[in-house]
Amino acid sequence: MVAAFEGWNDAADASSTAARYLRERWDARPFASIDPEDFFDFSTTRPQVRLIDGLTREITWPETELSAAALPGSQRDVVVLVGTEPQLRWRTFCAEVTGIAGELGVELVVTLGALLADVAHTRPVRVTGTAADPELVARLGLQRSAYEGPTGIVGVLHDACRQAQIPSASLWAAVPHYVGGTPSPKAALALVRRTADLLATPLMTTDLEIASAAYESQVSEVVDEDDDVAGYVRRLELVGDDDDDDDDDGHAPEGSTGEVDGEQLVADLERFLREQGE
C-alpha cells in the first residue's frame, strides 16, 4: 500500500501529487473510500459545490480513496491511498486503514511525505527513507527514524501499522522553504522514482520530468530578479554541495555532523524578510 495525505505532511503538494501520479501510471482503479463524516470538521475542510451540465448542483465531500492495480514487473498488487489529513479521530481513522490493509493481505505500507527544508531548488531533491523495524531498514536500505516532536496523520498511521504488525516505511522529500507554497513537480518526481525503486518496479516518468524542468526554470527566473534572494539561494547551493561532498555514499565522515549551518541560514532568511517590509 502506498499512501499520501494532503495537508501538514504535504509541502508543495509533492506527496499527494506523487501518489496520484503513481495511481494513474499503474492504471489503478478505485474500489473503496472512507466515509468522511466521522473524521472531518467540515467548517475547516469544507465540501465543494459544483454544477453538472450547468444545471444540477452536486456536493463533493473530502474523501480518502483507495485504488488497486497489478504492480508492473511484479507478481504483487498495489493499493494506492490518497486523501486529506483528517481533523478528528485519528486513531479510529488509522484503524480503518490498517483494517483494510489486513483484509487485503498488505505486506508493506509505504507513506509519502514532503517537508520544507533549507535546500535549493536547483539541486537534486533529497528523499529520506525511514522505518522503525531494523530488519526493514537493513533490507530496503532505509534509515532508523530518530524524529521526536509534533506529528501528522502519517506518524499516527505508522504507529497503527506497528500495532497491527504490518511493516511500514516512510519516504520524505525536502522542498525549498522559499517556494513552499508552489506545487513542486520536481519533489513529486523524486518521490515517484524512490517509490518505484523501493518496490522494484519499472516506471516511465517523461511527462513529470518535463514538468520538473519547467518548474526549476520558472523558479530560477523569479529568484534571479531579486539579488538578495539569488544570493540566499547561492548560499543554500554551496551548503548543499558541501554536504554532498562529505563522502561518496552521502553520509558524513566520522566526526562530522553533515548538518547545514541552520543558525546562519535562519539569520540570512530573517534579514531577507525584514528587507521585504510588508
Protein backbone atom coordinates (compact mmCIF):
# COMPACT_ATOMS: atom_id res chain seq x y z
CA MET A 1 0.00 0.00 0.00
CA VAL A 2 1.27 3.45 -0.98
CA ALA A 3 -0.42 6.25 0.98
CA ALA A 4 -0.28 10.06 0.86
CA PHE A 5 -2.32 12.79 2.51
CA GLU A 6 -2.83 16.41 1.61
CA GLY A 7 -2.18 18.84 4.44
CA TRP A 8 0.53 19.05 7.09
CA ASN A 9 2.63 16.23 5.58
CA ASP A 10 2.39 17.53 2.01
CA ALA A 11 4.67 20.51 1.41
CA ALA A 12 4.27 21.92 -2.11
CA ASP A 13 1.67 19.19 -2.79
CA ALA A 14 4.58 16.88 -3.56
CA SER A 15 3.45 13.69 -1.84
CA SER A 16 -0.19 13.81 -2.93
CA THR A 17 0.90 14.62 -6.49
CA ALA A 18 3.31 11.68 -6.44
CA ALA A 19 0.64 9.27 -5.18
CA ARG A 20 -1.86 10.42 -7.80
CA TYR A 21 0.80 10.11 -10.50
CA LEU A 22 1.59 6.54 -9.43
CA ARG A 23 -2.12 5.73 -9.34
CA GLU A 24 -2.51 6.99 -12.90
CA ARG A 25 0.63 5.34 -14.25
CA TRP A 26 -0.26 1.99 -12.69
CA ASP A 27 -3.81 2.32 -14.03
CA ALA A 28 -5.17 1.74 -10.54
CA ARG A 29 -8.95 1.59 -10.25
CA PRO A 30 -10.94 2.86 -7.25
CA PHE A 31 -12.52 0.15 -5.14
CA ALA A 32 -13.33 1.84 -1.83
CA SER A 33 -13.40 5.11 0.07
CA ILE A 34 -13.56 6.05 3.75
CA ASP A 35 -16.68 7.99 4.73
CA PRO A 36 -15.51 11.47 5.84
CA GLU A 37 -18.44 12.09 8.21
CA ASP A 38 -16.67 10.95 11.38
CA PHE A 39 -13.21 12.30 10.58
CA PHE A 40 -13.52 15.85 9.26
CA ASP A 41 -14.54 19.20 10.64
CA PHE A 42 -16.41 20.48 7.60
CA SER A 43 -16.11 24.09 8.77
CA THR A 44 -12.34 23.67 8.34
CA THR A 45 -12.18 21.33 5.34
CA ARG A 46 -15.26 22.48 3.52
CA PRO A 47 -17.11 20.40 0.93
CA GLN A 48 -17.22 21.84 -2.58
CA VAL A 49 -20.28 22.55 -4.71
CA ARG A 50 -20.19 22.27 -8.46
CA LEU A 51 -22.63 22.42 -11.34
CA ILE A 52 -23.16 19.44 -13.61
CA ASP A 53 -24.23 20.42 -17.13
CA GLY A 54 -24.68 23.92 -15.77
CA LEU A 55 -27.89 22.92 -14.01
CA THR A 56 -27.58 20.25 -11.33
CA ARG A 57 -25.72 21.18 -8.13
CA GLU A 58 -23.52 18.45 -6.63
CA ILE A 59 -21.66 18.46 -3.30
CA THR A 60 -18.17 16.94 -3.34
CA TRP A 61 -17.00 15.83 0.11
CA PRO A 62 -13.39 15.37 1.23
CA GLU A 63 -12.62 11.72 0.84
CA THR A 64 -9.96 9.10 1.27
CA GLU A 65 -9.96 6.95 -1.83
CA LEU A 66 -8.34 3.56 -2.29
CA SER A 67 -7.42 2.21 -5.72
CA ALA A 68 -5.81 -1.07 -6.74
CA ALA A 69 -3.65 -2.27 -9.61
CA ALA A 70 -1.28 -5.01 -10.62
CA LEU A 71 2.25 -3.80 -9.92
CA PRO A 72 4.21 -3.78 -13.21
CA GLY A 73 7.09 -6.24 -13.29
CA SER A 74 5.91 -7.94 -10.11
CA GLN A 75 3.61 -10.73 -9.01
CA ARG A 76 2.19 -8.42 -6.35
CA ASP A 77 -0.68 -5.97 -6.44
CA VAL A 78 -0.53 -2.43 -5.11
CA VAL A 79 -3.12 -0.33 -3.30
CA VAL A 80 -2.82 3.46 -3.58
CA LEU A 81 -4.48 5.52 -0.84
CA VAL A 82 -4.90 9.25 -1.43
CA GLY A 83 -6.77 11.55 0.92
CA THR A 84 -6.73 14.68 3.03
CA GLU A 85 -5.37 14.66 6.56
CA PRO A 86 -8.47 14.41 8.77
CA GLN A 87 -9.11 16.66 11.76
CA LEU A 88 -10.87 14.16 14.02
CA ARG A 89 -10.46 10.65 15.47
CA TRP A 90 -7.06 9.86 14.06
CA ARG A 91 -6.72 6.56 15.91
CA THR A 92 -10.07 5.35 14.60
CA PHE A 93 -9.21 6.55 11.11
CA CYS A 94 -5.87 4.74 11.12
CA ALA A 95 -7.55 1.61 12.49
CA GLU A 96 -9.83 1.74 9.42
CA VAL A 97 -6.80 1.93 7.12
CA THR A 98 -4.88 -0.88 8.83
CA GLY A 99 -8.08 -2.94 8.92
CA ILE A 100 -8.38 -2.64 5.15
CA ALA A 101 -4.69 -3.42 4.77
CA GLY A 102 -5.10 -6.53 6.92
CA GLU A 103 -8.09 -7.75 4.95
CA LEU A 104 -6.20 -7.33 1.68
CA GLY A 105 -3.06 -9.04 2.94
CA VAL A 106 -0.88 -5.95 2.58
CA GLU A 107 2.73 -6.85 3.41
CA LEU A 108 4.21 -3.33 3.32
CA VAL A 109 2.78 0.17 3.81
CA VAL A 110 4.80 3.00 2.25
CA THR A 111 3.76 6.54 3.13
CA LEU A 112 4.86 9.57 1.13
CA GLY A 113 5.54 12.95 2.68
CA ALA A 114 7.19 16.26 1.90
CA LEU A 115 8.66 18.83 4.27
CA LEU A 116 10.04 22.36 3.98
CA ALA A 117 13.81 22.50 4.34
CA ASP A 118 16.85 24.70 3.77
CA VAL A 119 17.58 23.35 0.29
CA ALA A 120 17.99 24.95 -3.12
CA HIS A 121 15.52 24.37 -5.95
CA THR A 122 18.41 23.97 -8.39
CA ARG A 123 19.82 20.88 -6.71
CA PRO A 124 18.55 17.26 -6.79
CA VAL A 125 15.71 16.66 -4.36
CA ARG A 126 16.78 14.76 -1.26
CA VAL A 127 14.46 11.89 -0.36
CA THR A 128 14.90 10.28 3.04
CA GLY A 129 13.53 6.79 3.64
CA THR A 130 12.85 5.77 7.23
CA ALA A 131 11.40 2.81 9.10
CA ALA A 132 11.20 1.65 12.70
CA ASP A 133 11.81 -2.05 12.06
CA PRO A 134 15.59 -2.79 11.99
CA GLU A 135 15.07 -5.70 9.58
CA LEU A 136 13.16 -3.47 7.17
CA VAL A 137 15.79 -0.75 7.48
CA ALA A 138 18.51 -3.22 6.51
CA ARG A 139 16.55 -4.94 3.74
CA LEU A 140 15.36 -1.78 1.97
CA GLY A 141 18.37 0.43 2.66
CA LEU A 142 16.45 2.91 4.84
CA GLN A 143 17.32 4.85 7.98
CA ARG A 144 16.07 4.35 11.50
CA SER A 145 13.82 7.28 12.33
CA ALA A 146 15.05 9.32 15.29
CA TYR A 147 12.49 12.13 15.00
CA GLU A 148 10.84 13.49 18.13
CA GLY A 149 8.20 16.22 18.12
CA PRO A 150 4.79 17.01 16.62
CA THR A 151 3.49 14.53 14.09
CA GLY A 152 0.77 14.30 11.49
CA ILE A 153 -1.52 11.57 10.28
CA VAL A 154 1.46 9.82 8.68
CA GLY A 155 3.17 9.34 12.04
CA VAL A 156 -0.03 8.07 13.65
CA LEU A 157 -0.60 5.67 10.75
CA HIS A 158 2.87 4.18 11.18
CA ASP A 159 2.17 3.62 14.86
CA ALA A 160 -1.09 1.90 13.92
CA CYS A 161 0.80 -0.29 11.45
CA ARG A 162 3.25 -1.24 14.20
CA GLN A 163 0.41 -2.26 16.48
CA ALA A 164 -1.22 -4.23 13.66
CA GLN A 165 2.15 -5.86 12.88
CA ILE A 166 2.19 -4.55 9.31
CA PRO A 167 5.68 -3.49 8.15
CA SER A 168 5.79 0.17 7.13
CA ALA A 169 8.25 2.66 5.70
CA SER A 170 8.14 6.37 5.02
CA LEU A 171 9.64 8.45 2.20
CA TRP A 172 10.13 12.19 2.69
CA ALA A 173 11.14 14.73 0.06
CA ALA A 174 12.81 18.02 1.02
CA VAL A 175 11.17 21.08 -0.57
CA PRO A 176 12.80 24.56 -0.63
CA HIS A 177 11.06 26.60 2.04
CA TYR A 178 11.15 29.79 -0.06
CA VAL A 179 8.82 28.21 -2.64
CA GLY A 180 6.85 26.00 -0.26
CA GLY A 181 3.53 27.40 -1.44
CA THR A 182 4.18 26.47 -5.07
CA PRO A 183 3.36 22.91 -6.22
CA SER A 184 6.64 21.11 -6.89
CA PRO A 185 6.64 18.51 -9.67
CA LYS A 186 10.37 18.14 -9.03
CA ALA A 187 9.82 16.89 -5.48
CA ALA A 188 6.92 14.73 -6.68
CA LEU A 189 9.20 13.18 -9.32
CA ALA A 190 11.81 12.35 -6.67
CA LEU A 191 9.17 10.59 -4.55
CA VAL A 192 7.81 8.73 -7.58
CA ARG A 193 11.26 7.47 -8.54
CA ARG A 194 12.17 6.47 -4.99
CA THR A 195 8.88 4.61 -4.56
CA ALA A 196 9.36 2.75 -7.84
CA ASP A 197 12.89 1.80 -6.76
CA LEU A 198 11.67 0.65 -3.36
CA LEU A 199 9.03 -1.56 -4.97
CA ALA A 200 11.43 -2.70 -7.72
CA THR A 201 9.01 -1.79 -10.49
CA PRO A 202 9.77 -0.01 -13.79
CA LEU A 203 8.11 3.35 -14.42
CA MET A 204 8.18 5.92 -17.24
CA THR A 205 8.21 9.48 -15.94
CA THR A 206 8.92 11.57 -19.04
CA ASP A 207 5.99 13.96 -18.61
CA LEU A 208 6.83 14.58 -14.95
CA GLU A 209 10.48 15.16 -15.87
CA ILE A 210 9.40 17.85 -18.37
CA ALA A 211 7.20 19.49 -15.73
CA SER A 212 10.11 19.40 -13.26
CA ALA A 213 12.47 21.11 -15.70
CA ALA A 214 9.87 23.80 -16.39
CA TYR A 215 9.33 24.30 -12.64
CA GLU A 216 13.05 24.75 -11.97
CA SER A 217 13.40 27.20 -14.86
CA GLN A 218 10.42 29.29 -13.76
CA VAL A 219 11.55 29.47 -10.13
CA SER A 220 15.06 30.44 -11.26
CA GLU A 221 13.65 33.30 -13.33
CA VAL A 222 11.81 34.69 -10.31
CA VAL A 223 14.79 34.22 -7.99
CA ASP A 224 17.19 35.94 -10.40
CA GLU A 225 15.02 39.07 -10.37
CA ASP A 226 15.99 39.78 -6.74
CA ASP A 227 19.67 39.98 -5.83
CA ASP A 228 19.04 39.20 -2.15
CA VAL A 229 17.02 36.11 -2.90
CA ALA A 230 19.51 34.99 -5.53
CA GLY A 231 22.35 35.39 -3.02
CA TYR A 232 20.44 33.39 -0.43
CA VAL A 233 19.84 30.56 -2.92
CA ARG A 234 23.52 30.53 -3.85
CA ARG A 235 24.38 30.10 -0.17
CA LEU A 236 21.99 27.15 0.02
CA GLU A 237 23.62 25.65 -3.05
CA LEU A 238 27.08 25.90 -1.52
CA VAL A 239 25.98 24.39 1.77
CA GLY A 240 24.16 21.58 -0.03
CA ASP A 241 27.16 20.88 -2.24
CA ASP A 242 29.41 20.70 0.83
CA ASP A 243 27.04 18.18 2.40
CA ASP A 244 27.06 16.06 -0.77
CA ASP A 245 30.87 16.07 -0.79
CA ASP A 246 31.14 14.70 2.75
CA ASP A 247 31.73 11.28 1.25
CA ASP A 248 30.70 9.22 -1.75
CA ASP A 249 27.81 7.37 -0.13
CA GLY A 250 26.09 10.53 1.07
CA HIS A 251 26.95 10.07 4.74
CA ALA A 252 29.08 12.46 6.74
CA PRO A 253 32.55 11.19 7.63
CA GLU A 254 33.36 10.24 11.18
CA GLY A 255 33.50 13.30 13.44
CA SER A 256 31.29 15.37 11.12
CA THR A 257 27.59 16.03 11.65
CA GLY A 258 26.87 16.61 7.98
CA GLU A 259 24.28 19.21 9.02
CA VAL A 260 23.51 22.58 7.47
CA ASP A 261 24.57 25.69 9.42
CA GLY A 262 21.00 26.36 10.46
CA GLU A 263 21.69 29.47 12.55
CA GLN A 264 23.38 31.26 9.67
CA LEU A 265 20.62 30.29 7.25
CA VAL A 266 17.93 31.50 9.64
CA ALA A 267 19.79 34.77 10.10
CA ASP A 268 20.03 35.21 6.34
CA LEU A 269 16.36 34.43 5.86
CA GLU A 270 15.29 36.80 8.64
CA ARG A 271 17.39 39.57 7.12
CA PHE A 272 15.82 38.92 3.73
CA LEU A 273 12.30 39.01 5.18
CA ARG A 274 12.99 42.25 7.06
CA GLU A 275 14.16 43.87 3.84
CA GLN A 276 10.93 42.93 2.13
CA GLY A 277 8.93 45.11 4.53
CA GLU A 278 5.20 44.45 4.29
